[in-house]
All heavy atoms as atom14 arrays in JSON, in Angstrom:
{
  "sequence": "NDGGIGLEMAAENDWPQPKNGLSAFFNVDEARELVSAIESAIRRAEPK",
  "atom14_mask": [
    [1, 1, 1, 1, 1, 1, 1, 1, 0, 0, 0, 0, 0, 0],
    [1, 1, 1, 1, 1, 1, 1, 1, 0, 0, 0, 0, 0, 0],
    [1, 1, 1, 1, 0, 0, 0, 0, 0, 0, 0, 0, 0, 0],
    [1, 1, 1, 1, 0, 0, 0, 0, 0, 0, 0, 0, 0, 0],
    [1, 1, 1, 1, 1, 1, 1, 1, 0, 0, 0, 0, 0, 0],
    [1, 1, 1, 1, 0, 0, 0, 0, 0, 0, 0, 0, 0, 0],
    [1, 1, 1, 1, 1, 1, 1, 1, 0, 0, 0, 0, 0, 0],
    [1, 1, 1, 1, 1, 1, 1, 1, 1, 0, 0, 0, 0, 0],
    [1, 1, 1, 1, 1, 1, 1, 1, 0, 0, 0, 0, 0, 0],
    [1, 1, 1, 1, 1, 0, 0, 0, 0, 0, 0, 0, 0, 0],
    [1, 1, 1, 1, 1, 0, 0, 0, 0, 0, 0, 0, 0, 0],
    [1, 1, 1, 1, 1, 1, 1, 1, 1, 0, 0, 0, 0, 0],
    [1, 1, 1, 1, 1, 1, 1, 1, 0, 0, 0, 0, 0, 0],
    [1, 1, 1, 1, 1, 1, 1, 1, 0, 0, 0, 0, 0, 0],
    [1, 1, 1, 1, 1, 1, 1, 1, 1, 1, 1, 1, 1, 1],
    [1, 1, 1, 1, 1, 1, 1, 0, 0, 0, 0, 0, 0, 0],
    [1, 1, 1, 1, 1, 1, 1, 1, 1, 0, 0, 0, 0, 0],
    [1, 1, 1, 1, 1, 1, 1, 0, 0, 0, 0, 0, 0, 0],
    [1, 1, 1, 1, 1, 1, 1, 1, 1, 0, 0, 0, 0, 0],
    [1, 1, 1, 1, 1, 1, 1, 1, 0, 0, 0, 0, 0, 0],
    [1, 1, 1, 1, 0, 0, 0, 0, 0, 0, 0, 0, 0, 0],
    [1, 1, 1, 1, 1, 1, 1, 1, 0, 0, 0, 0, 0, 0],
    [1, 1, 1, 1, 1, 1, 0, 0, 0, 0, 0, 0, 0, 0],
    [1, 1, 1, 1, 1, 0, 0, 0, 0, 0, 0, 0, 0, 0],
    [1, 1, 1, 1, 1, 1, 1, 1, 1, 1, 1, 0, 0, 0],
    [1, 1, 1, 1, 1, 1, 1, 1, 1, 1, 1, 0, 0, 0],
    [1, 1, 1, 1, 1, 1, 1, 1, 0, 0, 0, 0, 0, 0],
    [1, 1, 1, 1, 1, 1, 1, 0, 0, 0, 0, 0, 0, 0],
    [1, 1, 1, 1, 1, 1, 1, 1, 0, 0, 0, 0, 0, 0],
    [1, 1, 1, 1, 1, 1, 1, 1, 1, 0, 0, 0, 0, 0],
    [1, 1, 1, 1, 1, 0, 0, 0, 0, 0, 0, 0, 0, 0],
    [1, 1, 1, 1, 1, 1, 1, 1, 1, 1, 1, 0, 0, 0],
    [1, 1, 1, 1, 1, 1, 1, 1, 1, 0, 0, 0, 0, 0],
    [1, 1, 1, 1, 1, 1, 1, 1, 0, 0, 0, 0, 0, 0],
    [1, 1, 1, 1, 1, 1, 1, 0, 0, 0, 0, 0, 0, 0],
    [1, 1, 1, 1, 1, 1, 0, 0, 0, 0, 0, 0, 0, 0],
    [1, 1, 1, 1, 1, 0, 0, 0, 0, 0, 0, 0, 0, 0],
    [1, 1, 1, 1, 1, 1, 1, 1, 0, 0, 0, 0, 0, 0],
    [1, 1, 1, 1, 1, 1, 1, 1, 1, 0, 0, 0, 0, 0],
    [1, 1, 1, 1, 1, 1, 0, 0, 0, 0, 0, 0, 0, 0],
    [1, 1, 1, 1, 1, 0, 0, 0, 0, 0, 0, 0, 0, 0],
    [1, 1, 1, 1, 1, 1, 1, 1, 0, 0, 0, 0, 0, 0],
    [1, 1, 1, 1, 1, 1, 1, 1, 1, 1, 1, 0, 0, 0],
    [1, 1, 1, 1, 1, 1, 1, 1, 1, 1, 1, 0, 0, 0],
    [1, 1, 1, 1, 1, 0, 0, 0, 0, 0, 0, 0, 0, 0],
    [1, 1, 1, 1, 1, 1, 1, 1, 1, 0, 0, 0, 0, 0],
    [1, 1, 1, 1, 1, 1, 1, 0, 0, 0, 0, 0, 0, 0],
    [1, 1, 1, 1, 1, 1, 1, 1, 1, 0, 0, 0, 0, 0]
  ],
  "atom14_positions": [
    [[-58.78, -8.37, -65.67], [-59.03, -7.73, -64.37], [-60.51, -7.87, -64.03], [-61.36, -7.34, -64.75], [-58.6, -6.27, -64.41], [-58.55, -5.65, -63.03], [-58.65, -6.35, -62.02], [-58.4, -4.34, -62.97], [0.0, 0.0, 0.0], [0.0, 0.0, 0.0], [0.0, 0.0, 0.0], [0.0, 0.0, 0.0], [0.0, 0.0, 0.0], [0.0, 0.0, 0.0]],
    [[-60.8, -8.59, -62.97], [-62.17, -8.75, -62.49], [-63.13, -9.25, -63.57], [-64.26, -8.79, -63.69], [-62.71, -7.45, -61.9], [-61.99, -7.06, -60.61], [-61.48, -7.99, -59.94], [-61.93, -5.87, -60.29], [0.0, 0.0, 0.0], [0.0, 0.0, 0.0], [0.0, 0.0, 0.0], [0.0, 0.0, 0.0], [0.0, 0.0, 0.0], [0.0, 0.0, 0.0]],
    [[-62.68, -10.18, -64.4], [-63.53, -10.78, -65.41], [-63.61, -10.01, -66.71], [-64.31, -10.4, -67.63], [0.0, 0.0, 0.0], [0.0, 0.0, 0.0], [0.0, 0.0, 0.0], [0.0, 0.0, 0.0], [0.0, 0.0, 0.0], [0.0, 0.0, 0.0], [0.0, 0.0, 0.0], [0.0, 0.0, 0.0], [0.0, 0.0, 0.0], [0.0, 0.0, 0.0]],
    [[-62.9, -8.92, -66.81], [-62.85, -8.15, -68.05], [-61.45, -8.22, -68.65], [-60.48, -8.55, -67.97], [0.0, 0.0, 0.0], [0.0, 0.0, 0.0], [0.0, 0.0, 0.0], [0.0, 0.0, 0.0], [0.0, 0.0, 0.0], [0.0, 0.0, 0.0], [0.0, 0.0, 0.0], [0.0, 0.0, 0.0], [0.0, 0.0, 0.0], [0.0, 0.0, 0.0]],
    [[-61.36, -7.93, -69.92], [-60.08, -7.97, -70.62], [-59.74, -6.56, -71.05], [-60.54, -5.88, -71.67], [-60.15, -8.91, -71.85], [-60.37, -10.37, -71.4], [-58.85, -8.83, -72.66], [-61.78, -10.76, -71.26], [0.0, 0.0, 0.0], [0.0, 0.0, 0.0], [0.0, 0.0, 0.0], [0.0, 0.0, 0.0], [0.0, 0.0, 0.0], [0.0, 0.0, 0.0]],
    [[-58.53, -6.13, -70.69], [-58.06, -4.8, -71.06], [-57.02, -4.88, -72.15], [-56.14, -5.75, -72.13], [0.0, 0.0, 0.0], [0.0, 0.0, 0.0], [0.0, 0.0, 0.0], [0.0, 0.0, 0.0], [0.0, 0.0, 0.0], [0.0, 0.0, 0.0], [0.0, 0.0, 0.0], [0.0, 0.0, 0.0], [0.0, 0.0, 0.0], [0.0, 0.0, 0.0]],
    [[-57.11, -4.0, -73.1], [-56.13, -3.88, -74.18], [-55.63, -2.45, -74.13], [-56.4, -1.5, -74.31], [-56.77, -4.19, -75.53], [-55.9, -3.98, -76.77], [-54.71, -4.93, -76.75], [-56.72, -4.19, -78.02], [0.0, 0.0, 0.0], [0.0, 0.0, 0.0], [0.0, 0.0, 0.0], [0.0, 0.0, 0.0], [0.0, 0.0, 0.0], [0.0, 0.0, 0.0]],
    [[-54.35, -2.3, -73.83], [-53.75, -0.97, -73.75], [-52.69, -0.84, -74.83], [-51.96, -1.78, -75.12], [-53.1, -0.76, -72.38], [-54.09, -0.85, -71.24], [-53.42, -0.83, -69.87], [-52.24, -1.23, -69.76], [-54.08, -0.41, -68.92], [0.0, 0.0, 0.0], [0.0, 0.0, 0.0], [0.0, 0.0, 0.0], [0.0, 0.0, 0.0], [0.0, 0.0, 0.0]],
    [[-52.61, 0.35, -75.42], [-51.61, 0.6, -76.45], [-51.05, 2.0, -76.24], [-51.79, 2.93, -75.92], [-52.23, 0.48, -77.84], [-52.73, -0.92, -78.13], [-53.57, -1.08, -79.7], [-52.22, -0.88, -80.83], [0.0, 0.0, 0.0], [0.0, 0.0, 0.0], [0.0, 0.0, 0.0], [0.0, 0.0, 0.0], [0.0, 0.0, 0.0], [0.0, 0.0, 0.0]],
    [[-49.74, 2.12, -76.42], [-49.08, 3.41, -76.29], [-47.81, 3.39, -77.12], [-47.24, 2.32, -77.38], [-48.76, 3.71, -74.84], [0.0, 0.0, 0.0], [0.0, 0.0, 0.0], [0.0, 0.0, 0.0], [0.0, 0.0, 0.0], [0.0, 0.0, 0.0], [0.0, 0.0, 0.0], [0.0, 0.0, 0.0], [0.0, 0.0, 0.0], [0.0, 0.0, 0.0]],
    [[-47.35, 4.56, -77.49], [-46.09, 4.64, -78.23], [-44.95, 4.13, -77.35], [-44.93, 4.34, -76.14], [-45.82, 6.08, -78.64], [0.0, 0.0, 0.0], [0.0, 0.0, 0.0], [0.0, 0.0, 0.0], [0.0, 0.0, 0.0], [0.0, 0.0, 0.0], [0.0, 0.0, 0.0], [0.0, 0.0, 0.0], [0.0, 0.0, 0.0], [0.0, 0.0, 0.0]],
    [[-44.02, 3.43, -77.98], [-42.89, 2.84, -77.27], [-42.14, 3.89, -76.45], [-41.72, 3.63, -75.32], [-41.95, 2.2, -78.29], [-40.69, 1.63, -77.75], [-39.82, 1.04, -78.85], [-40.11, 1.23, -80.05], [-38.83, 0.39, -78.49], [0.0, 0.0, 0.0], [0.0, 0.0, 0.0], [0.0, 0.0, 0.0], [0.0, 0.0, 0.0], [0.0, 0.0, 0.0]],
    [[-41.97, 5.08, -77.0], [-41.22, 6.12, -76.3], [-42.06, 6.83, -75.23], [-41.59, 7.76, -74.59], [-40.63, 7.13, -77.28], [-41.67, 7.78, -78.16], [-42.86, 7.49, -78.07], [-41.23, 8.65, -79.05], [0.0, 0.0, 0.0], [0.0, 0.0, 0.0], [0.0, 0.0, 0.0], [0.0, 0.0, 0.0], [0.0, 0.0, 0.0], [0.0, 0.0, 0.0]],
    [[-43.29, 6.38, -75.01], [-44.19, 6.97, -74.01], [-44.55, 5.96, -72.93], [-45.41, 6.2, -72.1], [-45.47, 7.47, -74.71], [-46.23, 8.49, -73.89], [-45.62, 9.18, -73.05], [-47.46, 8.61, -74.11], [0.0, 0.0, 0.0], [0.0, 0.0, 0.0], [0.0, 0.0, 0.0], [0.0, 0.0, 0.0], [0.0, 0.0, 0.0], [0.0, 0.0, 0.0]],
    [[-43.94, 4.79, -72.95], [-44.26, 3.7, -72.03], [-43.24, 3.68, -70.91], [-42.09, 3.99, -71.16], [-44.24, 2.38, -72.81], [-44.84, 1.22, -72.09], [-44.17, 0.26, -71.4], [-46.22, 0.9, -71.97], [-45.05, -0.64, -70.87], [-46.31, -0.27, -71.2], [-47.39, 1.49, -72.43], [-47.52, -0.86, -70.89], [-48.59, 0.9, -72.12], [-48.65, -0.26, -71.36]],
    [[-43.5, 3.36, -69.67], [-44.7, 2.72, -69.14], [-45.72, 3.69, -68.55], [-46.71, 3.25, -67.99], [-44.14, 1.81, -68.06], [-42.99, 2.56, -67.5], [-42.4, 3.3, -68.69], [0.0, 0.0, 0.0], [0.0, 0.0, 0.0], [0.0, 0.0, 0.0], [0.0, 0.0, 0.0], [0.0, 0.0, 0.0], [0.0, 0.0, 0.0], [0.0, 0.0, 0.0]],
    [[-45.49, 4.97, -68.61], [-46.44, 5.95, -68.07], [-47.02, 6.78, -69.22], [-46.73, 7.96, -69.34], [-45.73, 6.87, -67.06], [-45.15, 6.16, -65.86], [-46.19, 5.51, -64.99], [-47.3, 6.03, -64.84], [-45.87, 4.37, -64.42], [0.0, 0.0, 0.0], [0.0, 0.0, 0.0], [0.0, 0.0, 0.0], [0.0, 0.0, 0.0], [0.0, 0.0, 0.0]],
    [[-47.82, 6.16, -70.08], [-48.29, 6.87, -71.28], [-49.17, 8.07, -70.95], [-50.05, 8.0, -70.1], [-49.06, 5.82, -72.05], [-49.43, 4.79, -71.05], [-48.39, 4.82, -69.98], [0.0, 0.0, 0.0], [0.0, 0.0, 0.0], [0.0, 0.0, 0.0], [0.0, 0.0, 0.0], [0.0, 0.0, 0.0], [0.0, 0.0, 0.0], [0.0, 0.0, 0.0]],
    [[-48.88, 9.16, -71.64], [-49.71, 10.36, -71.52], [-50.79, 10.36, -72.59], [-51.83, 10.97, -72.43], [-48.83, 11.6, -71.65], [-47.8, 11.73, -70.54], [-46.84, 12.87, -70.83], [-45.68, 12.89, -69.86], [-44.79, 11.77, -69.96], [0.0, 0.0, 0.0], [0.0, 0.0, 0.0], [0.0, 0.0, 0.0], [0.0, 0.0, 0.0], [0.0, 0.0, 0.0]],
    [[-50.52, 9.68, -73.69], [-51.45, 9.68, -74.82], [-51.84, 8.27, -75.26], [-52.21, 8.06, -76.4], [-50.82, 10.41, -76.01], [-50.56, 11.86, -75.68], [-51.44, 12.56, -75.21], [-49.33, 12.3, -75.89], [0.0, 0.0, 0.0], [0.0, 0.0, 0.0], [0.0, 0.0, 0.0], [0.0, 0.0, 0.0], [0.0, 0.0, 0.0], [0.0, 0.0, 0.0]],
    [[-51.71, 7.3, -74.36], [-52.05, 5.92, -74.7], [-53.56, 5.73, -74.81], [-54.35, 6.59, -74.45], [0.0, 0.0, 0.0], [0.0, 0.0, 0.0], [0.0, 0.0, 0.0], [0.0, 0.0, 0.0], [0.0, 0.0, 0.0], [0.0, 0.0, 0.0], [0.0, 0.0, 0.0], [0.0, 0.0, 0.0], [0.0, 0.0, 0.0], [0.0, 0.0, 0.0]],
    [[-53.91, 4.58, -75.33], [-55.31, 4.2, -75.45], [-55.56, 2.94, -74.65], [-54.7, 2.07, -74.57], [-55.67, 3.96, -76.91], [-55.53, 5.16, -77.84], [-55.71, 4.73, -79.29], [-56.54, 6.22, -77.47], [0.0, 0.0, 0.0], [0.0, 0.0, 0.0], [0.0, 0.0, 0.0], [0.0, 0.0, 0.0], [0.0, 0.0, 0.0], [0.0, 0.0, 0.0]],
    [[-56.74, 2.83, -74.1], [-57.08, 1.67, -73.29], [-58.51, 1.26, -73.63], [-59.4, 2.1, -73.67], [-56.98, 2.06, -71.81], [-57.03, 0.94, -70.99], [0.0, 0.0, 0.0], [0.0, 0.0, 0.0], [0.0, 0.0, 0.0], [0.0, 0.0, 0.0], [0.0, 0.0, 0.0], [0.0, 0.0, 0.0], [0.0, 0.0, 0.0], [0.0, 0.0, 0.0]],
    [[-58.71, -0.03, -73.9], [-60.04, -0.53, -74.25], [-60.41, -1.66, -73.29], [-59.57, -2.44, -72.87], [-60.06, -1.04, -75.69], [0.0, 0.0, 0.0], [0.0, 0.0, 0.0], [0.0, 0.0, 0.0], [0.0, 0.0, 0.0], [0.0, 0.0, 0.0], [0.0, 0.0, 0.0], [0.0, 0.0, 0.0], [0.0, 0.0, 0.0], [0.0, 0.0, 0.0]],
    [[-61.7, -1.74, -72.96], [-62.22, -2.79, -72.09], [-63.15, -3.68, -72.89], [-63.99, -3.2, -73.66], [-63.01, -2.17, -70.92], [-63.66, -3.21, -70.05], [-62.97, -3.77, -69.0], [-64.96, -3.64, -70.29], [-63.56, -4.73, -68.19], [-65.56, -4.6, -69.5], [-64.86, -5.15, -68.44], [0.0, 0.0, 0.0], [0.0, 0.0, 0.0], [0.0, 0.0, 0.0]],
    [[-63.01, -5.0, -72.72], [-63.87, -5.98, -73.38], [-64.41, -6.94, -72.34], [-63.67, -7.4, -71.47], [-63.07, -6.8, -74.41], [-62.46, -6.0, -75.5], [-61.19, -5.47, -75.37], [-63.15, -5.76, -76.68], [-60.61, -4.72, -76.38], [-62.58, -5.02, -77.7], [-61.31, -4.5, -77.55], [0.0, 0.0, 0.0], [0.0, 0.0, 0.0], [0.0, 0.0, 0.0]],
    [[-65.71, -7.28, -72.44], [-66.2, -8.39, -71.64], [-65.77, -9.67, -72.37], [-65.18, -9.61, -73.46], [-67.71, -8.3, -71.37], [-68.56, -8.5, -72.6], [-68.18, -9.16, -73.57], [-69.75, -7.93, -72.58], [0.0, 0.0, 0.0], [0.0, 0.0, 0.0], [0.0, 0.0, 0.0], [0.0, 0.0, 0.0], [0.0, 0.0, 0.0], [0.0, 0.0, 0.0]],
    [[-66.06, -10.83, -71.81], [-65.58, -12.09, -72.39], [-66.1, -12.29, -73.82], [-65.33, -12.64, -74.73], [-65.93, -13.28, -71.48], [-65.62, -14.6, -72.16], [-65.18, -13.17, -70.16], [0.0, 0.0, 0.0], [0.0, 0.0, 0.0], [0.0, 0.0, 0.0], [0.0, 0.0, 0.0], [0.0, 0.0, 0.0], [0.0, 0.0, 0.0], [0.0, 0.0, 0.0]],
    [[-67.39, -12.08, -74.05], [-67.94, -12.26, -75.4], [-67.32, -11.29, -76.4], [-67.02, -11.66, -77.54], [-69.46, -12.11, -75.39], [-70.15, -13.29, -74.73], [-69.55, -14.38, -74.66], [-71.3, -13.1, -74.27], [0.0, 0.0, 0.0], [0.0, 0.0, 0.0], [0.0, 0.0, 0.0], [0.0, 0.0, 0.0], [0.0, 0.0, 0.0], [0.0, 0.0, 0.0]],
    [[-67.12, -10.06, -75.99], [-66.51, -9.06, -76.87], [-65.07, -9.44, -77.2], [-64.61, -9.29, -78.34], [-66.56, -7.68, -76.22], [-67.96, -7.14, -76.07], [-68.06, -6.0, -75.07], [-67.17, -5.83, -74.21], [-69.06, -5.28, -75.17], [0.0, 0.0, 0.0], [0.0, 0.0, 0.0], [0.0, 0.0, 0.0], [0.0, 0.0, 0.0], [0.0, 0.0, 0.0]],
    [[-64.35, -9.94, -76.2], [-62.96, -10.36, -76.42], [-62.9, -11.54, -77.39], [-62.03, -11.6, -78.25], [-62.29, -10.71, -75.1], [0.0, 0.0, 0.0], [0.0, 0.0, 0.0], [0.0, 0.0, 0.0], [0.0, 0.0, 0.0], [0.0, 0.0, 0.0], [0.0, 0.0, 0.0], [0.0, 0.0, 0.0], [0.0, 0.0, 0.0], [0.0, 0.0, 0.0]],
    [[-63.83, -12.48, -77.26], [-63.88, -13.61, -78.19], [-64.13, -13.13, -79.62], [-63.56, -13.66, -80.57], [-64.96, -14.59, -77.78], [-64.56, -15.44, -76.61], [-65.54, -16.59, -76.39], [-65.07, -17.41, -75.3], [-65.74, -17.62, -74.18], [-66.93, -17.1, -74.01], [-65.23, -18.39, -73.24], [0.0, 0.0, 0.0], [0.0, 0.0, 0.0], [0.0, 0.0, 0.0]],
    [[-65.0, -12.14, -79.78], [-65.27, -11.57, -81.1], [-64.0, -10.93, -81.69], [-63.7, -11.1, -82.87], [-66.38, -10.52, -80.98], [-66.85, -9.96, -82.28], [-68.0, -8.98, -82.1], [-68.67, -8.99, -81.05], [-68.23, -8.2, -83.03], [0.0, 0.0, 0.0], [0.0, 0.0, 0.0], [0.0, 0.0, 0.0], [0.0, 0.0, 0.0], [0.0, 0.0, 0.0]],
    [[-63.25, -10.22, -80.85], [-61.99, -9.62, -81.29], [-60.98, -10.69, -81.7], [-60.36, -10.61, -82.76], [-61.41, -8.73, -80.18], [-60.03, -8.14, -80.45], [-60.05, -7.21, -81.67], [-59.53, -7.4, -79.21], [0.0, 0.0, 0.0], [0.0, 0.0, 0.0], [0.0, 0.0, 0.0], [0.0, 0.0, 0.0], [0.0, 0.0, 0.0], [0.0, 0.0, 0.0]],
    [[-60.84, -11.72, -80.88], [-59.92, -12.82, -81.18], [-60.32, -13.5, -82.49], [-59.47, -13.82, -83.33], [-59.86, -13.83, -80.02], [-59.14, -15.11, -80.42], [-59.18, -13.19, -78.82], [0.0, 0.0, 0.0], [0.0, 0.0, 0.0], [0.0, 0.0, 0.0], [0.0, 0.0, 0.0], [0.0, 0.0, 0.0], [0.0, 0.0, 0.0], [0.0, 0.0, 0.0]],
    [[-61.6, -13.71, -82.7], [-62.09, -14.33, -83.94], [-61.72, -13.48, -85.15], [-61.28, -14.0, -86.19], [-63.61, -14.53, -83.87], [-64.1, -15.03, -85.08], [0.0, 0.0, 0.0], [0.0, 0.0, 0.0], [0.0, 0.0, 0.0], [0.0, 0.0, 0.0], [0.0, 0.0, 0.0], [0.0, 0.0, 0.0], [0.0, 0.0, 0.0], [0.0, 0.0, 0.0]],
    [[-61.86, -12.16, -85.03], [-61.48, -11.27, -86.13], [-59.98, -11.33, -86.4], [-59.55, -11.37, -87.57], [-61.92, -9.85, -85.81], [0.0, 0.0, 0.0], [0.0, 0.0, 0.0], [0.0, 0.0, 0.0], [0.0, 0.0, 0.0], [0.0, 0.0, 0.0], [0.0, 0.0, 0.0], [0.0, 0.0, 0.0], [0.0, 0.0, 0.0], [0.0, 0.0, 0.0]],
    [[-59.18, -11.38, -85.34], [-57.72, -11.48, -85.52], [-57.36, -12.81, -86.17], [-56.53, -12.86, -87.08], [-57.01, -11.29, -84.16], [-57.16, -9.85, -83.69], [-55.53, -11.67, -84.27], [-56.71, -9.6, -82.27], [0.0, 0.0, 0.0], [0.0, 0.0, 0.0], [0.0, 0.0, 0.0], [0.0, 0.0, 0.0], [0.0, 0.0, 0.0], [0.0, 0.0, 0.0]],
    [[-58.01, -13.89, -85.74], [-57.75, -15.2, -86.36], [-58.12, -15.2, -87.84], [-57.41, -15.78, -88.66], [-58.48, -16.3, -85.6], [-57.88, -16.59, -84.25], [-58.69, -17.56, -83.4], [-59.91, -17.72, -83.65], [-58.1, -18.14, -82.49], [0.0, 0.0, 0.0], [0.0, 0.0, 0.0], [0.0, 0.0, 0.0], [0.0, 0.0, 0.0], [0.0, 0.0, 0.0]],
    [[-59.21, -14.56, -88.2], [-59.61, -14.47, -89.62], [-58.57, -13.69, -90.41], [-58.2, -14.08, -91.53], [-60.97, -13.79, -89.75], [-61.98, -14.59, -89.21], [0.0, 0.0, 0.0], [0.0, 0.0, 0.0], [0.0, 0.0, 0.0], [0.0, 0.0, 0.0], [0.0, 0.0, 0.0], [0.0, 0.0, 0.0], [0.0, 0.0, 0.0], [0.0, 0.0, 0.0]],
    [[-58.08, -12.6, -89.84], [-57.04, -11.82, -90.52], [-55.74, -12.63, -90.66], [-55.07, -12.55, -91.7], [-56.77, -10.52, -89.75], [0.0, 0.0, 0.0], [0.0, 0.0, 0.0], [0.0, 0.0, 0.0], [0.0, 0.0, 0.0], [0.0, 0.0, 0.0], [0.0, 0.0, 0.0], [0.0, 0.0, 0.0], [0.0, 0.0, 0.0], [0.0, 0.0, 0.0]],
    [[-55.41, -13.42, -89.67], [-54.21, -14.27, -89.73], [-54.35, -15.28, -90.87], [-53.42, -15.48, -91.66], [-53.97, -14.98, -88.38], [-53.51, -13.97, -87.33], [-52.94, -16.11, -88.54], [-53.5, -14.51, -85.91], [0.0, 0.0, 0.0], [0.0, 0.0, 0.0], [0.0, 0.0, 0.0], [0.0, 0.0, 0.0], [0.0, 0.0, 0.0], [0.0, 0.0, 0.0]],
    [[-55.51, -15.93, -90.95], [-55.71, -16.91, -92.02], [-55.56, -16.28, -93.41], [-54.99, -16.87, -94.31], [-57.08, -17.58, -91.88], [-57.12, -18.64, -90.79], [-58.4, -19.46, -90.83], [-59.59, -18.67, -90.58], [-60.04, -18.34, -89.37], [-59.4, -18.74, -88.29], [-61.15, -17.64, -89.23], [0.0, 0.0, 0.0], [0.0, 0.0, 0.0], [0.0, 0.0, 0.0]],
    [[-56.06, -15.07, -93.55], [-55.96, -14.39, -94.84], [-54.52, -13.95, -95.12], [-54.05, -14.0, -96.26], [-56.87, -13.18, -94.88], [-56.77, -12.48, -96.24], [-57.71, -11.34, -96.38], [-59.05, -11.87, -96.59], [-60.1, -11.1, -96.82], [-59.99, -9.8, -96.85], [-61.29, -11.65, -97.01], [0.0, 0.0, 0.0], [0.0, 0.0, 0.0], [0.0, 0.0, 0.0]],
    [[-53.79, -13.54, -94.09], [-52.42, -13.04, -94.26], [-51.38, -14.14, -94.41], [-50.35, -13.93, -95.04], [-52.05, -12.15, -93.07], [0.0, 0.0, 0.0], [0.0, 0.0, 0.0], [0.0, 0.0, 0.0], [0.0, 0.0, 0.0], [0.0, 0.0, 0.0], [0.0, 0.0, 0.0], [0.0, 0.0, 0.0], [0.0, 0.0, 0.0], [0.0, 0.0, 0.0]],
    [[-51.65, -15.32, -93.85], [-50.66, -16.41, -93.83], [-50.02, -16.69, -95.18], [-48.79, -16.78, -95.28], [-51.26, -17.68, -93.25], [-50.69, -18.01, -91.92], [-51.38, -19.19, -91.28], [-52.51, -19.56, -91.62], [-50.74, -19.76, -90.39], [0.0, 0.0, 0.0], [0.0, 0.0, 0.0], [0.0, 0.0, 0.0], [0.0, 0.0, 0.0], [0.0, 0.0, 0.0]],
    [[-50.77, -16.85, -96.25], [-50.14, -17.17, -97.53], [-49.25, -16.05, -98.08], [-48.42, -16.28, -98.93], [-51.31, -17.42, -98.49], [-52.55, -17.39, -97.68], [-52.22, -16.84, -96.34], [0.0, 0.0, 0.0], [0.0, 0.0, 0.0], [0.0, 0.0, 0.0], [0.0, 0.0, 0.0], [0.0, 0.0, 0.0], [0.0, 0.0, 0.0], [0.0, 0.0, 0.0]],
    [[-49.43, -14.84, -97.57], [-48.68, -13.69, -98.06], [-47.58, -13.24, -97.1], [-46.92, -12.25, -97.35], [-49.63, -12.5, -98.27], [-50.86, -12.8, -99.06], [-51.74, -11.56, -99.07], [-53.18, -11.92, -98.79], [-54.05, -10.78, -98.72], [0.0, 0.0, 0.0], [0.0, 0.0, 0.0], [0.0, 0.0, 0.0], [0.0, 0.0, 0.0], [0.0, 0.0, 0.0]]
  ]
}
């Protein structure tokens, strides 16, 4: 949204109108850092 990346999380039984959900905003560089961390975790988890 407008050049930012939003990550929203909520309990399945509380969606789509979450009362207790969480929402995070990342700029492009921050989102790349998050993706890099997820990719590192994937590489470590793959063999297991």
